[in-house]
Amino acid sequence: MQIKTGLATGALLSATALAANSTSSVPSSCSVKSGATVTAQADLDKYSGCQTLVGDLTISGDSLTGSASLANVKEIQGTLSVNNATELESFSADNLEKISGSLEMKLLTILESASFGSLSEVDSILFQTLPAISSISSNLKSVNSIEITDTSLESIDGFNKLERVNEFNVNNNRGLAHIDSELKSVAQSLQVSFNGNDADVKFDSLEWANNITLRNVSSASFAALEKVNASLGFIDNSFDSLNMSSLGSVGGTLSLVANEQLTDADFSNLTEIGGALLIANNTRLSNIDGFDNVKTVGSALNVVGNFSELKLSALKSVKGGCDVETKSSNYTCDSLKKLQKSGGIQGDAFVCKNGATSTSIKLSSTSGSSTASGSSSGSASATSSGSSGSSSASKSSNGAVAGQIVPASSFMGAVAAVAVALL
């Protein structure tokens, strides 16, 4: 026991000595004082003899005008923050290879360019409110999270070689028209929204992600995507086709909402949806035939539009309710009514309505009995009202509660809830 204790003590002392030597190898002049702020190029020049800086380096203030640079430094053991330098036009740190913390550039109103030509490793990146910037160069190979918002960037090529991130959020960059990423996995969330009007988005190497939300893009490609652990949402995009034929499962809600140019959506290998299937207000999507292999929907089935075909021939189980409504009189509810009668739709409400007829059922929470009504859209028992497609029904004369015909679910309320959840 004494020998083991001696070995352990020796190892601890050696480790302590190594740590002390590592710290002492960085000159005191290369340590950034806590809370210090660089306000002039002369302050940055003081670090030109340092290969490693220890501490958080903050660059800010109106005294920085024109160009500023951090020369010779290869590593920052901390965070590099350039913010609220309202007279700064360009910034460079081309020898910098590694930042252990975050790289932040915020509120730089006239900054036109930034260069980090050697930067390959950083924990997180935040570029926010850079209204004049058009380019940022880097050589990133490792980063945990990226957020680029409210800039004039026309390209994010410096981030396209990354293969794995936790978060990827690119939004409100009005000049950004193209993303061609080599990402293979996204551990938390992938969001691309409200960038250039003709934003072309490619994630053809992406194999899985936890959450994906795309808004306001003109084309989207996910050639290798096989699995989404949680939610997948395509909302208010302008593409006319969406090929997701490699996708096998979605763990949460799958949403296709307000994609007004969409005519074809291919989810032909998708078999399982853990949450809801929500398809709404895709004006030109008349044939919904890309979900024919879906077997289970873990929550509600909600489909509203102008479709004449909704093919769900493999569907065996919907654990929530069903609200399917179309303005087309060519669509038939027969297959869904058959599934509901066999117990395949397990929720407490069933609505299926085309341009001519409506079926609306609510199951009793006590007796389990149900009553169905097939009626013309103008009948007293079920009438259509509002753009959300909700219907109202008169109470039966005996005042019975169990099995009564009930209003259709508030579909657009569900749409709004999902949209908020995907923000």
Foldseek 3Di string as FASTA:
>chain_A
DVVVVVVVVVVVVVVVVVVVVVVVVFDPLQEDDPPDEAEELVNLVSCQVPQEHEEEYHYEDQNYAEEHERHNHAEYAYEYEYEHNQRYAEYEYQNHAEYAEEYEYEHHARHAEYENARHAYYAEYYYYQHARYADYAYQYAYYAEYAHANYQHQDPVNQQAYAEYQYAHYEHRQNHAEHAHQHAEHEHEYEYEHYHQAHEYEHQNHAEYAEYEYANYAYYYHNRHAEHQEEYEYEHYAYQEAAPCNYAEHQYEYEDYQNQNHQYYAPQNHAYYQYEYYYYNNANPQAQDRQQRHAEHNEEYYHEYAHLYHHPPNHQAHQAEYAAEHLAPNHDCVVVVVSVVVCRYPHQWYWHYYNFWIWIWGADPPPRDADIDIDGCPDQAWHFDDPQGKIAGDADPVNDDGHGGGIGDRSVVVVVVVVVVND
